[in-house]
Protein backbone atom coordinates (compact mmCIF):
# COMPACT_ATOMS: atom_id res chain seq x y z
CA MET A 1 -33.57 37.06 53.82
CA TYR A 2 -32.95 38.50 50.39
CA ARG A 3 -29.99 36.18 49.92
CA GLY A 4 -32.21 33.14 50.34
CA LYS A 5 -34.73 34.43 47.76
CA ILE A 6 -31.96 35.27 45.27
CA LYS A 7 -30.46 31.78 45.64
CA LEU A 8 -33.89 30.23 45.16
CA LEU A 9 -34.54 32.32 42.02
CA LEU A 10 -31.11 31.44 40.61
CA ALA A 11 -31.73 27.74 41.27
CA ILE A 12 -35.15 27.89 39.56
CA ALA A 13 -33.61 29.75 36.56
CA ALA A 14 -30.84 27.15 36.29
CA ILE A 15 -33.37 24.27 36.38
CA LEU A 16 -35.53 25.97 33.70
CA ALA A 17 -32.47 26.55 31.45
CA LEU A 18 -31.39 22.94 31.91
CA ALA A 19 -34.91 21.70 31.11
CA PHE A 20 -35.00 23.89 27.97
CA TYR A 21 -31.70 22.47 26.63
CA ILE A 22 -32.64 18.86 27.46
CA ARG A 23 -35.98 19.21 25.66
CA ARG A 24 -34.30 20.84 22.65
CA ASP A 25 -31.65 18.08 22.39
CA MET A 26 -34.27 15.33 22.66
CA ASN A 27 -36.14 16.80 19.67
CA LEU A 28 -33.09 17.01 17.38
CA THR A 29 -33.18 14.82 14.26
CA PRO A 30 -30.04 12.80 13.55
CA ASP A 31 -27.93 13.71 10.48
CA PHE A 32 -28.04 10.10 9.29
CA THR A 33 -30.14 7.01 9.61
CA LEU A 34 -28.93 3.46 10.00
CA GLY A 35 -30.18 2.83 6.45
CA ASP A 36 -27.37 5.09 5.15
CA LEU A 37 -24.67 2.77 6.46
CA PRO A 38 -23.15 0.11 4.17
CA ASP A 39 -23.53 -3.60 4.93
CA VAL A 40 -19.73 -3.98 5.16
CA SER A 41 -16.87 -1.47 5.10
CA VAL A 42 -13.25 -2.56 4.60
CA GLU A 43 -9.98 -0.64 4.64
CA ASN A 44 -6.91 -1.60 2.57
CA LEU A 45 -8.73 -4.07 0.35
CA ASP A 46 -6.53 -6.44 -1.69
CA PHE A 47 -8.66 -8.64 -3.95
CA ARG A 48 -7.67 -11.16 -6.66
CA ARG A 49 -9.91 -13.07 -9.02
CA ARG A 50 -9.52 -14.98 -12.30
CA ILE A 51 -12.18 -14.14 -14.89
CA ARG A 52 -12.03 -15.47 -18.48
CA SER A 53 -8.31 -16.36 -18.44
CA ARG A 54 -7.44 -12.97 -16.95
CA ASP A 55 -6.08 -12.28 -13.51
CA TRP A 56 -7.74 -9.27 -11.90
CA HIS A 57 -6.00 -7.66 -8.94
CA LEU A 58 -7.82 -4.81 -7.22
CA ARG A 59 -6.45 -2.76 -4.36
CA ALA A 60 -8.40 0.03 -2.64
CA LYS A 61 -7.84 2.21 0.40
CA ARG A 62 -11.48 1.73 1.37
CA ALA A 63 -14.38 -0.33 0.05
CA GLU A 64 -18.03 -0.62 1.01
CA HIS A 65 -20.58 -3.32 0.17
CA ASP A 66 -24.22 -2.32 0.07
CA SER A 67 -27.16 -4.05 -1.67
CA GLY A 68 -25.06 -6.04 -4.15
CA VAL A 69 -22.84 -3.10 -5.12
CA ILE A 70 -19.24 -2.64 -4.02
CA ARG A 71 -17.95 0.94 -3.90
CA ALA A 72 -14.20 1.39 -3.73
CA PHE A 73 -12.09 4.51 -3.17
CA GLU A 74 -8.51 5.26 -4.26
CA MET A 75 -8.27 2.14 -6.40
CA GLU A 76 -5.52 0.37 -8.29
CA ILE A 77 -6.55 -2.25 -10.84
CA ASP A 78 -4.19 -4.65 -12.63
CA VAL A 79 -5.53 -6.99 -15.29
CA SER A 80 -3.11 -9.49 -16.84
CA GLU A 81 -3.83 -12.09 -19.48
CA ALA A 82 -2.62 -15.62 -18.88
CA ASP A 83 -2.17 -16.51 -22.58
CA SER A 84 -0.42 -13.31 -23.75
CA ASP A 85 1.67 -10.41 -22.54
CA GLY A 86 -1.38 -8.15 -22.26
CA LEU A 87 -1.50 -6.04 -19.13
CA MET A 88 -3.61 -3.13 -17.96
CA SER A 89 -2.61 -1.17 -14.89
CA LEU A 90 -5.03 1.58 -13.82
CA ARG A 91 -5.46 3.95 -10.92
CA ALA A 92 -8.88 5.47 -10.22
CA SER A 93 -10.27 7.83 -7.60
CA ASN A 94 -13.34 5.65 -7.05
CA GLY A 95 -15.55 3.06 -8.66
CA GLU A 96 -18.46 0.67 -8.34
CA PHE A 97 -18.78 -3.03 -9.06
CA SER A 98 -22.11 -4.83 -9.44
CA GLU A 99 -22.00 -8.45 -8.34
CA ALA A 100 -25.13 -9.39 -10.30
CA ASP A 101 -23.83 -8.60 -13.80
CA TYR A 102 -20.07 -8.13 -13.25
CA PHE A 103 -20.29 -4.49 -14.31
CA LEU A 104 -17.40 -2.26 -13.22
CA GLU A 105 -17.31 1.52 -13.47
CA VAL A 106 -14.34 3.66 -12.43
CA ARG A 107 -13.83 7.41 -12.40
CA SER A 108 -10.80 9.69 -12.80
CA LEU A 109 -8.49 7.02 -14.10
CA ASP A 110 -4.98 6.99 -15.42
CA GLY A 111 -2.67 4.12 -16.14
CA VAL A 112 -0.81 2.03 -18.70
CA LEU A 113 -1.94 -0.48 -21.33
CA PHE A 114 0.67 -3.02 -22.44
CA ARG A 115 0.23 -5.44 -25.34
CA ASP A 116 2.50 -7.04 -27.95
CA GLY A 117 5.60 -5.34 -26.57
CA ARG A 118 4.09 -1.85 -26.73
CA SER A 119 2.87 0.27 -23.84
CA MET A 120 0.59 3.29 -23.96
CA ASP A 121 -0.39 5.67 -21.20
CA VAL A 122 -4.12 6.19 -20.76
CA LEU A 123 -6.14 8.98 -19.18
CA ALA A 124 -9.94 9.14 -18.94
CA PRO A 125 -12.55 10.77 -16.70
CA GLN A 126 -14.68 7.61 -16.59
CA ALA A 127 -14.59 4.03 -17.86
CA SER A 128 -16.76 0.97 -17.51
CA TYR A 129 -16.07 -2.70 -18.08
CA GLU A 130 -18.80 -5.00 -19.32
CA ARG A 131 -18.10 -8.71 -18.97
CA SER A 132 -20.35 -9.46 -21.88
CA PRO A 133 -19.22 -8.52 -24.59
CA ASP A 134 -15.84 -8.25 -22.74
CA VAL A 135 -15.13 -4.62 -23.54
CA TRP A 136 -14.01 -1.43 -21.79
CA LEU A 137 -16.18 1.60 -22.65
CA PHE A 138 -15.01 5.19 -22.31
CA ASN A 139 -18.20 7.23 -22.69
CA ARG A 140 -16.70 10.54 -21.55
CA GLY A 141 -13.52 10.47 -23.62
CA ILE A 142 -10.06 8.94 -23.56
CA GLU A 143 -6.47 9.90 -24.28
CA LEU A 144 -3.80 7.33 -25.18
CA TRP A 145 -0.17 8.12 -25.94
CA ASP A 146 3.35 6.81 -26.15
CA GLU A 147 6.59 8.33 -27.43
CA LYS A 148 5.40 8.27 -31.07
CA THR A 149 1.59 8.33 -31.00
CA TYR A 150 -1.19 10.44 -29.50
CA ILE A 151 -4.83 9.28 -29.70
CA LYS A 152 -7.88 11.09 -28.37
CA GLY A 153 -11.58 10.33 -28.70
CA GLY A 154 -14.82 11.70 -27.32
CA MET A 155 -15.95 8.08 -26.85
CA ALA A 156 -14.08 4.80 -27.17
CA ALA A 157 -14.38 1.05 -26.79
CA ILE A 158 -11.41 -1.25 -26.21
CA ALA A 159 -11.95 -4.97 -26.74
CA SER A 160 -10.04 -7.71 -24.94
CA ASP A 161 -7.92 -8.42 -28.03
CA GLY A 162 -6.57 -4.84 -27.98
CA VAL A 163 -8.68 -3.52 -30.85
CA PHE A 164 -10.20 -0.16 -30.07
CA VAL A 165 -12.76 2.05 -31.76
CA LEU A 166 -13.00 5.83 -31.32
CA TRP A 167 -15.91 8.10 -32.21
CA LYS A 168 -17.34 11.53 -31.39
CA GLY A 169 -14.28 13.60 -32.29
CA ALA A 170 -11.43 11.15 -32.76
CA TYR A 171 -7.95 12.60 -33.20
CA VAL A 172 -4.74 10.71 -33.96
CA SER A 173 -1.19 11.97 -34.53
CA TRP A 174 2.02 10.00 -34.92
CA ALA A 175 5.68 10.47 -35.67
CA VAL A 176 7.25 8.94 -38.75
CA GLU A 177 10.86 7.80 -38.61
């Protein structure tokens, strides 16, 4: 007789516990909403485009497209000029590209600039490319060096013809032979 009552009480307790957990789980809020997801997500992106007589080659481990902006992660960017030996080869941790105004911003970049038979290593925390006026801007500083020259600036602009301007604490050293 007592065994039947104990089994009944245990069954009621189990049903109440199950109802409690089901109700709790149904009231949980999700950690994300569908609005947080990108329109398109691609792995191992390999993209080529010709813009103003330059061949742009972008590779990224992952890229996402959302509302007209492309976000890329673990990027490699090569820009070569068709009418000269100019070449820029950069690696960046991540970046964004706006389709509307062809604005590119990359972060944590390092690479090599090559022009007129001379190459220089480059290191910068952030850089942006503006199609008009066709210039790379380094608003958080830049370092450039080769075997004879070291250049550092708090801010810099590098034009498509290779001319660059440094300001906000520019420093240059070079070796004389």
